[in-house]
Amino acid sequence: MNPPRRGSLSADLLLPTLYFVALGAMTWAVRGCSGFGAMDGCVFAGVTWGAGWWYLSRQPAGSPPRPYNSGWVILALTLGIGVSGDRGWMQWPSFFAGHLQTNSPEGKWVPISREYGFIWMFIAGVPWGGLGACALAWCGTHRRLCPRGWLLRIACGVAGAAVGRVLFDHFPDVFLPLHSSLADRYADAAHNPNLRRLFNDNQAAMTHLGVYLGCLAFEAGRWNWRGARLILTVGLVSGAGWAAFQNWTWAAHFWPDARFNFWRCWESSGGISIGLAYGLAFYIANRPGAESEPTPAPAPACGDFRWEKFGAYAGLIFGLGLSTKNGFKGWANIYLGHEEHWNDVGWAVMGPLMLIGIAWAALRRPTRGGGSDPFPNAAGLIWLVLIVQNIIAQFITGPLSSWNEVAFSIYYVLLFCITAVITHHQTEKTRGFAAA
């Protein structure tokens, strides 16, 4: 009998990258739409990427396992990418036009070099995708940690955030654009509201970058090169993509008379950048059976399967529950108005259901399901995620009397078709896994 194949370029790189890019193109565009934004929108993207990574990591029976195949991946990316959305970035796009806004309602700005736009979009983009990668690196089956190690891992992230904040506070001329010449305006927030927002956005970006670098340093410090490559790849590629797309500020030059939603195009391209980053990381850090890396740990005991299931179901319940609530709020805002009222209604329904669902996941009997597969219903779970998230995308894309909205509705359908074909391919590849 021939030994099981360790993988191929299409299975490990091309298809996963296309998958994550298509998921990012849809979910990050939705991230900036009615009902979403900030952390809510990032949770929408995170649970979708997390479920996709977990499902593509499942291997056929007899094949070497992938090192990042745990059900905890879903919760890790849901929370990691979700937390990355807890900051703004609206002050940087004007840098690409050579403007540093000081009071935009009054049309006041000062000239600034375009290079600042590239610098700060890169700094923002690194942890925007990279914090999810930090959490994902915690889910490896090949380098287990004791409780003391976990405390040190978390402490490194906290220390990185503290260092980032201290550097920002002590070197304002470095981290606040044109601070040396505009110090008096930065100090006068009442008359320069955009500079106050810029201060907050840059401070938050440096704090998140500090967390990212602290987590990266921990993995490198314990010689977990696979985890370090995962974090570094996602961060650098995400940052480079965010800087390169320039918030689509160049679109007005190429299509000066167009009346299209270029801002959502930028959101979608931001998701494409992060999706590309995770696709490359999937190939670099999640290939099965690499000879130079420690082999994955043996299959966990039945109790461990229980907690792996808890991680997967908790991520799905929290991510899909919050996405559904926000999707309802966004739909109501478009067609009914009174968004905050419907947000309260959504919480009244989804909040208790999410708590009940997570409690159910925690109290489930510790059974493996069928055979050696803790997730015999894996195909149903990934289809649930794809269908729910794409329905939400359609519901908050409107009204359909606007051609701009129709264009994005069609765009989402095409992206769903791509992910559906790859999901079906993965299902066929792993058929029989549960019976092994």
Protein backbone atom coordinates (compact mmCIF):
# COMPACT_ATOMS: atom_id res chain seq x y z
CA MET A 1 0.00 0.00 0.00
CA ASN A 2 1.31 3.44 -0.88
CA PRO A 3 1.89 5.81 2.04
CA PRO A 4 -0.68 8.60 2.43
CA ARG A 5 0.11 11.75 0.55
CA ARG A 6 1.34 14.64 2.63
CA GLY A 7 -0.45 17.20 0.56
CA SER A 8 -0.17 19.14 -2.67
CA LEU A 9 0.20 22.72 -3.80
CA SER A 10 -3.47 22.93 -4.75
CA ALA A 11 -4.74 21.38 -1.51
CA ASP A 12 -2.38 23.30 0.79
CA LEU A 13 -2.04 26.66 -0.96
CA LEU A 14 -4.22 27.44 -3.98
CA LEU A 15 -7.66 26.29 -2.81
CA PRO A 16 -7.30 27.46 0.81
CA THR A 17 -6.06 30.86 -0.33
CA LEU A 18 -8.94 31.27 -2.78
CA TYR A 19 -11.32 30.16 -0.02
CA PHE A 20 -10.07 32.65 2.58
CA VAL A 21 -9.91 35.44 -0.01
CA ALA A 22 -13.52 34.84 -1.08
CA LEU A 23 -14.69 34.70 2.55
CA GLY A 24 -12.79 37.89 3.35
CA ALA A 25 -14.10 39.73 0.28
CA MET A 26 -17.68 39.15 1.46
CA THR A 27 -17.38 39.33 5.24
CA TRP A 28 -15.18 42.42 5.41
CA ALA A 29 -17.46 44.27 2.99
CA VAL A 30 -20.37 43.43 5.30
CA ARG A 31 -18.20 44.55 8.24
CA GLY A 32 -18.69 48.18 7.21
CA CYS A 33 -22.41 47.92 6.40
CA SER A 34 -25.61 48.76 8.26
CA GLY A 35 -25.81 46.99 11.62
CA PHE A 36 -22.14 46.10 11.80
CA GLY A 37 -18.85 48.00 12.01
CA ALA A 38 -16.05 47.90 14.61
CA MET A 39 -15.95 44.73 16.76
CA ASP A 40 -19.37 43.50 15.61
CA GLY A 41 -18.24 43.46 12.00
CA CYS A 42 -14.93 41.82 12.84
CA VAL A 43 -16.73 39.03 14.74
CA PHE A 44 -18.79 38.46 11.58
CA ALA A 45 -15.58 37.96 9.61
CA GLY A 46 -13.74 36.10 12.37
CA VAL A 47 -16.27 33.30 12.91
CA THR A 48 -16.49 32.74 9.14
CA TRP A 49 -12.72 32.53 8.67
CA GLY A 50 -12.43 30.41 11.82
CA ALA A 51 -14.99 27.87 10.63
CA GLY A 52 -13.36 27.82 7.19
CA TRP A 53 -9.85 27.24 8.58
CA TRP A 54 -11.08 24.48 10.88
CA TYR A 55 -12.97 22.70 8.10
CA LEU A 56 -10.14 22.87 5.57
CA SER A 57 -7.79 21.47 8.24
CA ARG A 58 -9.68 18.18 8.40
CA GLN A 59 -7.68 15.40 6.74
CA PRO A 60 -8.76 12.14 5.09
CA ALA A 61 -8.40 9.00 7.16
CA GLY A 62 -4.79 7.79 7.22
CA SER A 63 -3.31 11.15 6.29
CA PRO A 64 -0.94 13.07 8.58
CA PRO A 65 -2.94 15.57 10.64
CA ARG A 66 -2.53 19.29 10.28
CA PRO A 67 -1.07 21.03 13.36
CA TYR A 68 -3.82 23.66 13.60
CA ASN A 69 -6.93 21.52 13.21
CA SER A 70 -8.56 21.92 16.61
CA GLY A 71 -12.16 23.00 17.07
CA TRP A 72 -10.80 25.78 19.30
CA VAL A 73 -9.70 27.54 16.09
CA ILE A 74 -13.26 28.77 15.55
CA LEU A 75 -13.48 30.51 18.91
CA ALA A 76 -9.88 31.77 18.62
CA LEU A 77 -10.42 33.58 15.31
CA THR A 78 -13.88 34.80 16.32
CA LEU A 79 -12.46 36.53 19.39
CA GLY A 80 -9.02 37.43 18.01
CA ILE A 81 -10.28 39.18 14.90
CA GLY A 82 -13.23 40.55 16.83
CA VAL A 83 -10.97 42.29 19.36
CA SER A 84 -8.91 43.76 16.52
CA GLY A 85 -11.94 45.84 15.51
CA ASP A 86 -11.91 47.80 18.77
CA ARG A 87 -10.31 50.89 17.21
CA GLY A 88 -10.84 53.45 14.48
CA TRP A 89 -8.92 54.30 11.33
CA MET A 90 -10.99 56.97 9.60
CA GLN A 91 -8.36 59.70 9.97
CA TRP A 92 -5.68 58.04 7.82
CA PRO A 93 -7.28 57.83 4.34
CA SER A 94 -6.98 61.60 3.85
CA PHE A 95 -3.19 61.21 4.16
CA PHE A 96 -3.16 59.63 0.71
CA ALA A 97 -4.55 62.90 -0.66
CA GLY A 98 -1.87 64.87 1.18
CA HIS A 99 -4.32 66.18 3.83
CA LEU A 100 -4.07 65.97 7.60
CA GLN A 101 -7.58 66.86 8.71
CA THR A 102 -7.75 69.11 11.76
CA ASN A 103 -11.42 70.11 11.68
CA SER A 104 -13.21 68.45 8.78
CA PRO A 105 -16.68 70.02 9.44
CA GLU A 106 -15.06 73.41 8.91
CA GLY A 107 -12.90 72.19 6.03
CA LYS A 108 -9.61 72.75 7.88
CA TRP A 109 -6.52 70.69 7.13
CA VAL A 110 -2.74 70.98 6.77
CA PRO A 111 -0.49 69.43 4.10
CA ILE A 112 1.14 66.09 4.89
CA SER A 113 3.24 63.60 2.92
CA ARG A 114 1.37 60.66 1.39
CA GLU A 115 3.92 58.33 2.96
CA TYR A 116 2.16 58.75 6.29
CA GLY A 117 -0.87 57.02 4.78
CA PHE A 118 1.15 53.96 3.82
CA ILE A 119 2.88 53.85 7.20
CA TRP A 120 -0.25 54.02 9.32
CA MET A 121 -2.35 51.72 7.16
CA PHE A 122 0.47 49.16 7.46
CA ILE A 123 0.65 49.63 11.24
CA ALA A 124 -3.14 49.23 11.42
CA GLY A 125 -3.30 46.26 9.08
CA VAL A 126 -0.65 44.16 10.84
CA PRO A 127 -2.66 43.54 14.03
CA TRP A 128 -6.03 43.72 12.28
CA GLY A 129 -5.31 40.33 10.79
CA GLY A 130 -2.45 39.45 13.13
CA LEU A 131 -4.33 39.35 16.44
CA GLY A 132 -6.45 36.53 15.08
CA ALA A 133 -3.27 34.72 14.08
CA CYS A 134 -1.91 35.15 17.62
CA ALA A 135 -5.02 33.44 18.99
CA LEU A 136 -4.85 30.79 16.26
CA ALA A 137 -1.25 29.99 17.23
CA TRP A 138 -2.56 29.06 20.67
CA CYS A 139 -4.59 26.20 19.14
CA GLY A 140 -1.69 24.08 17.86
CA THR A 141 -1.69 20.39 18.73
CA HIS A 142 2.10 20.07 18.41
CA ARG A 143 3.38 22.31 21.23
CA ARG A 144 1.21 21.96 24.33
CA LEU A 145 1.67 24.35 27.27
CA CYS A 146 1.37 23.88 31.01
CA PRO A 147 -0.69 26.41 33.05
CA ARG A 148 2.47 28.39 33.86
CA GLY A 149 3.24 28.60 30.15
CA TRP A 150 -0.24 29.94 29.44
CA LEU A 151 0.18 32.63 32.08
CA LEU A 152 3.50 33.64 30.53
CA ARG A 153 1.97 33.65 27.03
CA ILE A 154 -0.83 35.99 28.14
CA ALA A 155 1.64 38.13 30.11
CA CYS A 156 3.74 38.65 26.98
CA GLY A 157 0.73 40.01 25.11
CA VAL A 158 -0.16 42.33 28.00
CA ALA A 159 3.45 43.47 28.32
CA GLY A 160 3.59 44.18 24.59
CA ALA A 161 0.48 46.35 24.88
CA ALA A 162 2.02 48.22 27.81
CA VAL A 163 5.26 48.83 25.90
CA GLY A 164 3.34 50.09 22.88
CA ARG A 165 1.37 52.50 25.05
CA VAL A 166 4.48 53.75 26.90
CA LEU A 167 6.35 54.39 23.64
CA PHE A 168 3.37 56.25 22.22
CA ASP A 169 3.01 58.42 25.33
CA HIS A 170 6.72 59.28 25.58
CA PHE A 171 7.49 59.88 21.90
CA PRO A 172 4.57 61.87 20.45
CA ASP A 173 6.78 63.36 17.73
CA VAL A 174 7.31 59.85 16.40
CA PHE A 175 3.78 58.47 16.64
CA LEU A 176 1.67 61.58 15.98
CA PRO A 177 2.08 62.95 12.44
CA LEU A 178 3.53 66.50 12.37
CA HIS A 179 3.31 66.70 16.17
CA SER A 180 6.43 68.84 16.47
CA SER A 181 4.85 71.59 14.38
CA LEU A 182 1.22 71.08 15.48
CA ALA A 183 1.66 70.46 19.21
CA ASP A 184 -0.57 73.39 20.13
CA ARG A 185 -3.36 72.12 17.86
CA TYR A 186 -3.08 68.59 19.24
CA ALA A 187 -3.49 70.11 22.70
CA ASP A 188 -6.59 72.07 21.62
CA ALA A 189 -8.98 69.17 20.97
CA ALA A 190 -12.07 71.38 21.10
CA HIS A 191 -11.07 73.30 17.96
CA ASN A 192 -9.25 70.37 16.31
CA PRO A 193 -11.56 67.36 16.74
CA ASN A 194 -9.89 65.36 13.99
CA LEU A 195 -6.56 65.55 15.78
CA ARG A 196 -8.21 64.18 18.91
CA ARG A 197 -9.55 61.25 16.86
CA LEU A 198 -6.15 60.80 15.24
CA PHE A 199 -4.54 60.68 18.68
CA ASN A 200 -6.99 57.97 19.80
CA ASP A 201 -6.64 55.93 16.60
CA ASN A 202 -2.84 56.00 16.62
CA GLN A 203 -2.71 55.16 20.31
CA ALA A 204 -5.04 52.18 19.84
CA ALA A 205 -3.09 51.01 16.78
CA MET A 206 0.18 51.06 18.73
CA THR A 207 -1.43 49.21 21.63
CA HIS A 208 -2.72 46.45 19.33
CA LEU A 209 0.61 46.28 17.54
CA GLY A 210 2.26 45.83 20.95
CA VAL A 211 -0.02 42.88 21.75
CA TYR A 212 0.82 41.35 18.37
CA LEU A 213 4.58 41.73 18.84
CA GLY A 214 4.41 40.46 22.42
CA CYS A 215 2.61 37.28 21.30
CA LEU A 216 5.05 36.85 18.42
CA ALA A 217 8.01 37.23 20.79
CA PHE A 218 6.62 34.56 23.11
CA GLU A 219 6.26 31.97 20.33
CA ALA A 220 9.73 32.74 19.00
CA GLY A 221 11.17 32.69 22.53
CA ARG A 222 10.03 29.12 23.09
CA TRP A 223 11.29 28.13 19.63
CA ASN A 224 7.80 27.50 18.29
CA TRP A 225 8.87 28.48 14.78
CA ARG A 226 5.69 27.17 13.18
CA GLY A 227 3.56 29.43 15.39
CA ALA A 228 5.92 32.37 14.87
CA ARG A 229 5.75 31.94 11.08
CA LEU A 230 1.97 31.81 11.28
CA ILE A 231 1.75 35.08 13.23
CA LEU A 232 4.42 36.84 11.17
CA THR A 233 2.96 35.82 7.81
CA VAL A 234 -0.57 36.98 8.62
CA GLY A 235 0.60 40.27 10.12
CA LEU A 236 2.99 41.29 7.36
CA VAL A 237 0.75 40.31 4.46
CA SER A 238 -2.32 41.95 6.03
CA GLY A 239 -0.40 45.17 6.70
CA ALA A 240 1.11 45.27 3.21
CA GLY A 241 -2.31 44.72 1.60
CA TRP A 242 -3.99 47.42 3.65
CA ALA A 243 -1.29 49.92 2.74
CA ALA A 244 -1.23 48.96 -0.95
CA PHE A 245 -4.98 49.42 -1.51
CA GLN A 246 -4.84 52.99 -0.08
CA ASN A 247 -8.51 52.93 0.95
CA TRP A 248 -9.31 53.12 -2.78
CA THR A 249 -8.57 56.85 -2.71
CA TRP A 250 -7.15 56.41 -6.21
CA ALA A 251 -10.56 55.33 -7.60
CA ALA A 252 -11.72 58.92 -8.10
CA HIS A 253 -8.74 59.52 -10.41
CA PHE A 254 -9.53 56.55 -12.66
CA TRP A 255 -13.34 56.94 -12.60
CA PRO A 256 -13.95 60.65 -11.88
CA ASP A 257 -17.60 60.55 -12.96
CA ALA A 258 -18.53 57.24 -11.33
CA ARG A 259 -21.11 57.18 -8.57
CA PHE A 260 -20.22 53.82 -7.13
CA ASN A 261 -19.75 52.65 -3.53
CA PHE A 262 -15.95 52.75 -3.60
CA TRP A 263 -15.83 52.78 0.18
CA ARG A 264 -17.32 49.28 0.29
CA CYS A 265 -14.88 48.27 -2.44
CA TRP A 266 -12.14 49.31 -0.05
CA GLU A 267 -13.70 47.29 2.77
CA SER A 268 -13.86 44.25 0.51
CA SER A 269 -10.25 44.65 -0.59
CA GLY A 270 -9.19 44.90 3.06
CA GLY A 271 -10.82 41.52 3.64
CA ILE A 272 -9.13 40.14 0.53
CA SER A 273 -5.77 41.19 2.00
CA ILE A 274 -6.41 39.42 5.29
CA GLY A 275 -7.83 36.38 3.47
CA LEU A 276 -4.69 36.19 1.34
CA ALA A 277 -2.62 36.38 4.52
CA TYR A 278 -4.46 33.43 6.08
CA GLY A 279 -4.22 31.44 2.87
CA LEU A 280 -0.44 31.85 2.79
CA ALA A 281 -0.24 31.07 6.52
CA PHE A 282 -2.30 27.92 5.97
CA TYR A 283 0.35 26.75 3.51
CA ILE A 284 3.37 27.87 5.53
CA ALA A 285 2.30 26.79 9.01
CA ASN A 286 -0.50 24.26 8.63
CA ARG A 287 0.83 21.71 6.18
CA PRO A 288 0.68 18.15 7.54
CA GLY A 289 3.75 16.09 8.28
CA ALA A 290 6.56 18.64 7.88
CA GLU A 291 9.71 16.75 8.78
CA SER A 292 11.47 19.70 10.45
CA GLU A 293 8.66 20.32 12.95
CA PRO A 294 7.51 18.42 16.03
CA THR A 295 4.81 15.91 15.15
CA PRO A 296 1.27 16.57 16.31
CA ALA A 297 0.31 15.17 19.67
CA PRO A 298 -1.61 11.87 19.86
CA ALA A 299 -5.39 11.96 19.65
CA PRO A 300 -6.81 13.42 22.84
CA ALA A 301 -8.79 11.48 25.39
CA CYS A 302 -12.57 11.55 25.41
CA GLY A 303 -12.70 14.41 27.91
CA ASP A 304 -10.40 16.50 25.70
CA PHE A 305 -12.76 15.91 22.79
CA ARG A 306 -15.52 17.33 24.94
CA TRP A 307 -13.66 20.60 25.46
CA GLU A 308 -12.59 20.78 21.84
CA LYS A 309 -16.25 20.51 20.93
CA PHE A 310 -17.02 23.23 23.46
CA GLY A 311 -14.49 25.56 21.79
CA ALA A 312 -15.99 24.93 18.36
CA TYR A 313 -19.62 25.27 19.43
CA ALA A 314 -18.97 28.28 21.67
CA GLY A 315 -17.31 30.07 18.76
CA LEU A 316 -20.18 29.21 16.43
CA ILE A 317 -22.90 30.14 18.92
CA PHE A 318 -21.30 33.44 19.87
CA GLY A 319 -20.21 34.38 16.34
CA LEU A 320 -23.38 33.40 14.50
CA GLY A 321 -25.63 34.65 17.30
CA LEU A 322 -24.03 38.09 17.34
CA SER A 323 -23.97 38.20 13.54
CA THR A 324 -27.67 37.32 13.33
CA LYS A 325 -28.58 39.98 15.88
CA ASN A 326 -26.56 42.63 14.03
CA GLY A 327 -27.89 41.50 10.67
CA PHE A 328 -31.44 41.95 11.94
CA LYS A 329 -30.52 45.39 13.26
CA GLY A 330 -28.95 46.36 9.93
CA TRP A 331 -31.95 45.14 7.93
CA ALA A 332 -34.32 47.05 10.22
CA ASN A 333 -32.24 50.20 9.85
CA ILE A 334 -32.54 50.02 6.06
CA TYR A 335 -36.23 49.17 5.78
CA LEU A 336 -37.89 50.11 9.08
CA GLY A 337 -35.75 52.75 10.79
CA HIS A 338 -35.24 53.07 14.56
CA GLU A 339 -32.09 50.93 14.48
CA GLU A 340 -31.39 51.11 18.23
CA HIS A 341 -34.92 49.95 19.07
CA TRP A 342 -34.51 46.88 16.88
CA ASN A 343 -31.04 46.33 18.31
CA ASP A 344 -32.66 46.04 21.76
CA VAL A 345 -35.25 43.62 20.37
CA GLY A 346 -32.46 41.54 18.82
CA TRP A 347 -30.57 41.37 22.11
CA ALA A 348 -33.76 40.39 23.96
CA VAL A 349 -34.13 37.38 21.66
CA MET A 350 -30.56 36.37 20.81
CA GLY A 351 -28.92 37.16 24.15
CA PRO A 352 -30.73 34.42 26.15
CA LEU A 353 -30.47 31.97 23.23
CA MET A 354 -26.70 32.48 23.06
CA LEU A 355 -26.32 31.95 26.81
CA ILE A 356 -28.44 28.78 26.67
CA GLY A 357 -26.45 27.52 23.70
CA ILE A 358 -23.06 28.09 25.34
CA ALA A 359 -24.30 26.44 28.55
CA TRP A 360 -25.47 23.47 26.47
CA ALA A 361 -22.05 23.25 24.81
CA ALA A 362 -20.31 23.26 28.21
CA LEU A 363 -22.58 20.60 29.73
CA ARG A 364 -22.67 18.15 26.82
CA ARG A 365 -21.79 14.55 27.56
CA PRO A 366 -18.10 13.83 26.73
CA THR A 367 -18.67 11.50 23.78
CA ARG A 368 -16.62 11.37 20.60
CA GLY A 369 -19.53 10.98 18.25
CA GLY A 370 -18.75 8.26 15.73
CA GLY A 371 -15.43 6.48 15.35
CA SER A 372 -12.38 8.64 16.00
CA ASP A 373 -13.95 11.84 14.66
CA PRO A 374 -15.16 14.30 17.32
CA PHE A 375 -17.12 16.19 14.63
CA PRO A 376 -19.14 13.70 12.53
CA ASN A 377 -21.46 16.60 11.65
CA ALA A 378 -18.61 18.85 10.43
CA ALA A 379 -20.03 19.31 6.93
CA GLY A 380 -23.33 20.46 8.36
CA LEU A 381 -21.59 23.00 10.59
CA ILE A 382 -19.61 24.65 7.81
CA TRP A 383 -22.65 24.81 5.54
CA LEU A 384 -24.59 26.38 8.41
CA VAL A 385 -21.96 29.10 8.73
CA LEU A 386 -21.78 29.81 5.00
CA ILE A 387 -25.54 29.90 4.49
CA VAL A 388 -26.32 32.02 7.57
CA GLN A 389 -23.57 34.56 6.85
CA ASN A 390 -24.50 34.89 3.20
CA ILE A 391 -28.19 35.31 4.01
CA ILE A 392 -27.23 38.09 6.42
CA ALA A 393 -25.08 39.68 3.71
CA GLN A 394 -28.07 39.76 1.36
CA PHE A 395 -30.43 41.12 4.02
CA ILE A 396 -28.24 44.12 4.86
CA THR A 397 -27.45 44.90 1.20
CA GLY A 398 -30.18 47.24 0.13
CA PRO A 399 -32.46 48.72 -0.80
CA LEU A 400 -32.36 46.86 -4.10
CA SER A 401 -33.78 49.89 -5.86
CA SER A 402 -30.16 51.14 -5.82
CA TRP A 403 -27.89 49.71 -8.52
CA ASN A 404 -24.88 50.01 -6.21
CA GLU A 405 -26.57 47.65 -3.76
CA VAL A 406 -27.63 45.23 -6.51
CA ALA A 407 -24.02 45.06 -7.72
CA PHE A 408 -22.80 43.99 -4.28
CA SER A 409 -25.67 41.53 -3.92
CA ILE A 410 -24.57 39.82 -7.14
CA TYR A 411 -20.94 40.01 -5.99
CA TYR A 412 -21.79 38.15 -2.78
CA VAL A 413 -23.61 35.43 -4.73
CA LEU A 414 -20.54 34.86 -6.91
CA LEU A 415 -18.29 34.69 -3.83
CA PHE A 416 -20.66 32.21 -2.20
CA CYS A 417 -20.47 29.99 -5.29
CA ILE A 418 -16.67 29.93 -5.01
CA THR A 419 -16.72 28.97 -1.33
CA ALA A 420 -19.49 26.42 -1.92
CA VAL A 421 -17.49 24.58 -4.60
CA ILE A 422 -14.37 24.45 -2.40
CA THR A 423 -16.42 23.33 0.60
CA HIS A 424 -17.94 20.50 -1.46
CA HIS A 425 -14.46 19.51 -2.65
CA GLN A 426 -13.21 19.38 0.95
CA THR A 427 -16.24 17.32 1.99
CA GLU A 428 -15.56 14.76 -0.73
CA LYS A 429 -11.87 14.65 0.21
CA THR A 430 -12.58 13.84 3.85
CA ARG A 431 -15.54 11.50 3.23
CA GLY A 432 -15.24 8.45 5.45
CA PHE A 433 -13.20 10.28 8.09
CA ALA A 434 -15.84 9.74 10.75
CA ALA A 435 -15.92 6.01 10.13
CA ALA A 436 -12.16 5.58 10.46
